[in-house]
C-alpha cells in the first residue's frame, strides 16, 4: 500500500463528501449516531465524544451542534484546521477540540469518553496494530465505540452491477480494496471480523448498520443529481440502514459496541 499523505487530499475528500454518495453516508451516520447518543443519555447534549481520524469534522460538527463536546484526533493539520473552521462557522467552536495524531497517539486524547468514533480508519492500519484495544481503553464503562469501514462483499456486487461478472470476479479475488479518493489500496475488514475483535476487548455489539445500501447498485449516478430522486433515495437509505438482510448489502458497514 502506498502511504497516504492526507494533507494533500483534502480537496478530493471534500468533493467526495459533496457528491450524492458522500452526502448519503453522512446522513445515515448522523441518524445512527443520534441513536447512540440518545441511548447514552445525551438526548439534549452533554456527552464527551472522541472522533479518531475525524478529519475535517464531518461527523464531529453535527454532534457538537447537538450539544456534545467533541475531540477530533487526526494526523492531517489541514483537515483539523478545516474542522475548526466548520465548527466556528456553525457556532460550536467552543465544543470542538482538535488534536494532531493517529490511533497510536490515543493516550494524548485522554479516556473516559461516552462515545468513541473510528470511521473509515482501521482499513488503512495494519491488522496486528492493536487499535481496537486502544479505542476500547478510551471509553468509560458503559461507553460505546462506533467503527465503520467499506464492505468487501458489497464491493463485489457493486462491480457486478456496474461492470459485469469479470469485474466482480476480479474484485472477489483481490486481497485489498481500492480507495480511489486517496489513490491507494486498503485492507479488507468485515463487520463479522470487527465484532470478534470487539468482543476480545470486552465490548458487546449493540448495533450493526449500513450506509449506501441502495446507492451503490444504481449504476446511473446522474440520476442522483436530481433533488427529488435524491430525496427519495435518502429516505430509502435511512429506512434500510438497520434492516436485515439489507444491512449486509451496504457499501459501508458500521458496528457499535458497548464497554462493560
Protein backbone atom coordinates (compact mmCIF):
# COMPACT_ATOMS: atom_id res chain seq x y z
CA UNK A 1 0.00 0.00 0.00
CA UNK A 2 1.25 3.47 -0.88
CA UNK A 3 1.50 5.67 2.19
CA UNK A 4 -1.22 8.29 2.04
CA UNK A 5 -0.48 11.97 2.60
CA UNK A 6 -3.95 13.02 3.72
CA UNK A 7 -2.99 16.69 3.93
CA UNK A 8 -2.71 16.70 0.13
CA UNK A 9 -6.07 15.01 -0.37
CA UNK A 10 -8.44 17.38 1.43
CA UNK A 11 -9.93 18.79 -1.78
CA UNK A 12 -10.55 15.29 -3.16
CA UNK A 13 -12.21 14.26 0.10
CA UNK A 14 -14.44 17.32 0.14
CA UNK A 15 -15.52 16.63 -3.44
CA UNK A 16 -16.46 13.08 -2.39
CA UNK A 17 -18.42 14.39 0.60
CA UNK A 18 -20.40 16.77 -1.61
CA UNK A 19 -21.28 14.01 -4.09
CA UNK A 20 -24.62 12.22 -3.54
CA UNK A 21 -22.96 9.06 -2.15
CA UNK A 22 -20.93 11.09 0.31
CA UNK A 23 -23.98 13.02 1.47
CA UNK A 24 -25.87 9.76 1.95
CA UNK A 25 -23.05 8.35 4.07
CA UNK A 26 -23.15 11.34 6.42
CA UNK A 27 -26.93 11.37 6.53
CA UNK A 28 -27.07 7.73 7.64
CA UNK A 29 -24.31 8.15 10.22
CA UNK A 30 -25.98 11.23 11.64
CA UNK A 31 -29.07 9.06 12.21
CA UNK A 32 -27.20 6.09 13.72
CA UNK A 33 -25.07 8.27 15.99
CA UNK A 34 -28.18 10.09 17.14
CA UNK A 35 -29.50 6.75 18.34
CA UNK A 36 -26.28 6.11 20.27
CA UNK A 37 -26.21 9.49 21.98
CA UNK A 38 -29.86 9.06 22.98
CA UNK A 39 -29.14 5.60 24.40
CA UNK A 40 -26.23 7.05 26.37
CA UNK A 41 -28.47 9.65 27.96
CA UNK A 42 -27.28 12.52 25.83
CA UNK A 43 -30.52 13.34 24.08
CA UNK A 44 -30.03 17.01 24.97
CA UNK A 45 -26.25 17.08 24.67
CA UNK A 46 -23.55 16.91 27.28
CA UNK A 47 -21.64 13.78 26.21
CA UNK A 48 -17.86 13.57 25.83
CA UNK A 49 -17.10 12.22 22.37
CA UNK A 50 -13.81 11.32 20.70
CA UNK A 51 -13.63 11.14 16.90
CA UNK A 52 -10.49 9.21 15.92
CA UNK A 53 -9.44 10.04 12.37
CA UNK A 54 -12.23 12.61 12.36
CA UNK A 55 -10.50 14.74 9.75
CA UNK A 56 -12.43 17.83 8.72
CA UNK A 57 -15.21 17.41 11.27
CA UNK A 58 -17.88 15.84 9.08
CA UNK A 59 -19.18 13.72 11.95
CA UNK A 60 -17.92 15.89 14.81
CA UNK A 61 -19.57 19.20 13.98
CA UNK A 62 -23.16 17.83 13.86
CA UNK A 63 -22.52 16.15 17.22
CA UNK A 64 -21.29 19.45 18.63
CA UNK A 65 -24.36 21.17 17.21
CA UNK A 66 -26.41 18.61 19.18
CA UNK A 67 -24.73 19.88 22.35
CA UNK A 68 -21.89 17.40 22.84
CA UNK A 69 -18.20 18.12 23.48
CA UNK A 70 -16.16 16.51 20.71
CA UNK A 71 -12.43 15.93 20.44
CA UNK A 72 -11.15 15.26 16.92
CA UNK A 73 -7.88 13.32 16.65
CA UNK A 74 -6.35 13.30 13.17
CA UNK A 75 -2.84 13.29 11.66
CA UNK A 76 -3.53 15.94 9.00
CA UNK A 77 -3.17 19.59 10.16
CA UNK A 78 -5.06 20.99 7.17
CA UNK A 79 -8.03 18.74 7.90
CA UNK A 80 -8.05 19.76 11.56
CA UNK A 81 -7.94 23.41 10.53
CA UNK A 82 -11.00 22.77 8.36
CA UNK A 83 -12.75 21.08 11.31
CA UNK A 84 -12.12 24.15 13.45
CA UNK A 85 -13.34 26.45 10.67
CA UNK A 86 -16.53 24.45 10.23
CA UNK A 87 -17.13 24.38 13.96
CA UNK A 88 -16.71 28.16 14.23
CA UNK A 89 -18.97 28.71 11.25
CA UNK A 90 -21.62 26.53 12.91
CA UNK A 91 -21.27 28.43 16.17
CA UNK A 92 -19.90 25.46 18.12
CA UNK A 93 -16.19 26.25 18.15
CA UNK A 94 -16.16 26.00 21.93
CA UNK A 95 -17.37 22.40 21.77
CA UNK A 96 -14.87 21.06 19.21
CA UNK A 97 -11.27 20.40 20.26
CA UNK A 98 -8.65 19.17 17.76
CA UNK A 99 -5.54 17.12 18.38
CA UNK A 100 -2.92 16.13 15.82
CA UNK A 101 -2.11 12.42 15.92
CA UNK A 102 -3.02 8.90 14.85
CA UNK A 103 -4.53 5.90 16.62
CA UNK A 104 -1.07 5.38 18.08
CA UNK A 105 -1.46 8.69 19.92
CA UNK A 106 -4.80 7.93 21.55
CA UNK A 107 -3.41 8.36 25.05
CA UNK A 108 -2.94 12.07 24.32
CA UNK A 109 -6.70 12.41 23.94
CA UNK A 110 -7.37 11.02 27.41
CA UNK A 111 -10.01 8.47 28.37
CA UNK A 112 -13.42 8.19 29.99
CA UNK A 113 -15.31 9.08 26.81
CA UNK A 114 -19.00 8.33 26.48
CA UNK A 115 -18.71 7.66 22.76
CA UNK A 116 -15.68 6.98 20.56
CA UNK A 117 -15.87 7.06 16.76
CA UNK A 118 -13.39 5.40 14.42
CA UNK A 119 -14.88 5.70 10.96
CA UNK A 120 -13.03 4.61 7.82
CA UNK A 121 -9.66 4.47 9.56
CA UNK A 122 -8.83 0.88 10.50
CA UNK A 123 -8.66 -0.35 6.91
CA UNK A 124 -5.60 1.88 6.48
CA UNK A 125 -3.93 0.36 9.54
CA UNK A 126 -2.09 -2.97 9.93
CA UNK A 127 -4.26 -5.85 11.14
CA UNK A 128 -1.97 -6.56 14.09
CA UNK A 129 -1.71 -2.97 15.34
CA UNK A 130 -3.83 -3.44 18.48
CA UNK A 131 -6.02 -0.48 17.52
CA UNK A 132 -9.28 -1.91 18.84
CA UNK A 133 -7.76 -2.29 22.30
CA UNK A 134 -6.60 1.34 22.26
CA UNK A 135 -10.04 2.51 21.19
CA UNK A 136 -11.76 0.45 23.88
CA UNK A 137 -9.43 1.85 26.55
CA UNK A 138 -10.59 5.39 25.73
CA UNK A 139 -14.17 4.56 26.78
CA UNK A 140 -15.76 4.84 30.18
CA UNK A 141 -17.60 1.81 31.50
CA UNK A 142 -20.90 1.76 29.66
CA UNK A 143 -19.50 3.89 26.84
CA UNK A 144 -19.88 2.96 23.20
CA UNK A 145 -17.49 2.57 20.27
CA UNK A 146 -18.62 3.10 16.67
CA UNK A 147 -16.44 1.59 13.95
CA UNK A 148 -17.05 1.96 10.22
CA UNK A 149 -15.32 0.62 7.10
CA UNK A 150 -16.03 -0.33 3.47
CA UNK A 151 -17.90 -3.60 2.97
CA UNK A 152 -15.83 -6.01 0.81
CA UNK A 153 -18.86 -8.13 -0.11
CA UNK A 154 -20.83 -5.13 -1.30
CA UNK A 155 -17.92 -4.03 -3.47
CA UNK A 156 -18.19 -7.32 -5.41
CA UNK A 157 -21.90 -6.84 -6.10
CA UNK A 158 -21.41 -3.18 -6.98
CA UNK A 159 -18.83 -4.04 -9.62
CA UNK A 160 -21.15 -6.72 -10.97
CA UNK A 161 -23.98 -4.24 -11.45
CA UNK A 162 -21.73 -1.61 -13.00
CA UNK A 163 -19.01 -3.52 -14.87
CA UNK A 164 -20.16 -7.11 -15.23
CA UNK A 165 -19.18 -10.56 -13.94
CA UNK A 166 -15.48 -10.43 -14.88
CA UNK A 167 -15.00 -7.28 -12.82
CA UNK A 168 -16.90 -8.87 -9.94
CA UNK A 169 -14.69 -11.96 -10.08
CA UNK A 170 -11.59 -9.77 -10.04
CA UNK A 171 -12.91 -7.90 -7.00
CA UNK A 172 -13.72 -11.14 -5.23
CA UNK A 173 -10.18 -12.45 -5.79
CA UNK A 174 -8.41 -9.22 -4.82
CA UNK A 175 -6.58 -9.14 -1.50
CA UNK A 176 -7.19 -5.43 -1.00
CA UNK A 177 -9.78 -2.76 -1.75
CA UNK A 178 -9.21 0.29 -3.91
CA UNK A 179 -9.62 3.61 -2.12
CA UNK A 180 -9.96 5.79 -5.19
CA UNK A 181 -10.41 9.07 -3.31
CA UNK A 182 -6.92 8.72 -1.84
CA UNK A 183 -5.27 6.90 -4.77
CA UNK A 184 -4.29 3.86 -2.72
CA UNK A 185 -5.49 0.44 -1.60
CA UNK A 186 -6.60 -0.68 1.85
CA UNK A 187 -7.02 -3.99 3.61
CA UNK A 188 -10.35 -5.77 3.67
CA UNK A 189 -12.15 -5.62 7.02
CA UNK A 190 -15.56 -7.20 7.55
CA UNK A 191 -18.18 -6.41 10.17
CA UNK A 192 -18.03 -10.00 11.43
CA UNK A 193 -14.27 -9.75 11.94
CA UNK A 194 -14.70 -6.47 13.77
CA UNK A 195 -17.29 -7.90 16.15
CA UNK A 196 -14.84 -10.68 17.08
CA UNK A 197 -12.12 -8.11 17.81
CA UNK A 198 -14.51 -6.01 19.87
CA UNK A 199 -15.62 -9.00 21.93
CA UNK A 200 -11.98 -9.84 22.64
CA UNK A 201 -11.60 -6.38 24.20
CA UNK A 202 -14.65 -6.79 26.42
CA UNK A 203 -17.10 -4.88 24.24
CA UNK A 204 -20.58 -6.17 23.38
CA UNK A 205 -22.02 -5.28 19.96
CA UNK A 206 -25.28 -3.36 20.36
CA UNK A 207 -25.93 -2.37 16.76
CA UNK A 208 -24.95 -3.06 13.18
CA UNK A 209 -25.83 -0.60 10.43
CA UNK A 210 -25.08 0.06 6.80
CA UNK A 211 -24.65 3.12 4.61
CA UNK A 212 -25.23 3.16 0.85
CA UNK A 213 -27.39 0.06 0.75
CA UNK A 214 -29.19 1.22 -2.39
CA UNK A 215 -26.90 3.89 -3.82
CA UNK A 216 -24.01 1.68 -4.84
CA UNK A 217 -26.17 -0.55 -7.04
CA UNK A 218 -27.68 2.30 -9.04
CA UNK A 219 -25.24 2.44 -11.94
CA UNK A 220 -26.55 5.70 -13.40
CA UNK A 221 -25.04 8.22 -11.00
CA UNK A 222 -26.53 11.14 -12.94
CA UNK A 223 -29.95 10.25 -11.55
CA UNK A 224 -28.76 11.16 -8.06
CA UNK A 225 -28.18 14.77 -9.05
CA UNK A 226 -31.94 15.27 -9.33
CA UNK A 227 -33.14 16.69 -5.97
CA UNK A 228 -36.42 14.75 -5.98
CA UNK A 229 -34.71 11.49 -6.83
CA UNK A 230 -32.01 12.07 -4.23
CA UNK A 231 -34.56 12.88 -1.52
CA UNK A 232 -36.34 9.59 -2.18
CA UNK A 233 -33.03 7.73 -2.21
CA UNK A 234 -32.06 9.29 1.11
CA UNK A 235 -35.36 8.21 2.67
CA UNK A 236 -34.75 4.69 1.38
CA UNK A 237 -31.21 4.60 2.76
CA UNK A 238 -32.42 5.69 6.19
CA UNK A 239 -35.18 3.08 6.12
CA UNK A 240 -32.76 0.28 5.19
CA UNK A 241 -29.76 1.23 7.37
CA UNK A 242 -30.69 -1.16 10.20
CA UNK A 243 -32.86 -3.70 8.38
CA UNK A 244 -31.71 -7.22 7.61
CA UNK A 245 -30.97 -8.62 5.10
CA UNK A 246 -30.19 -5.21 3.61
CA UNK A 247 -27.51 -4.30 6.15
CA UNK A 248 -25.23 -6.92 4.62
CA UNK A 249 -25.56 -5.22 1.22
CA UNK A 250 -24.41 -1.77 2.31
CA UNK A 251 -21.34 -0.27 0.71
CA UNK A 252 -20.12 0.61 4.19
CA UNK A 253 -20.76 -1.23 7.46
CA UNK A 254 -20.97 0.33 10.92
CA UNK A 255 -20.72 -1.66 14.14
CA UNK A 256 -21.44 -0.15 17.55
CA UNK A 257 -20.34 -1.92 20.74
CA UNK A 258 -20.60 -1.13 24.45
CA UNK A 259 -17.89 -1.45 27.08
CA UNK A 260 -18.89 -3.25 30.28
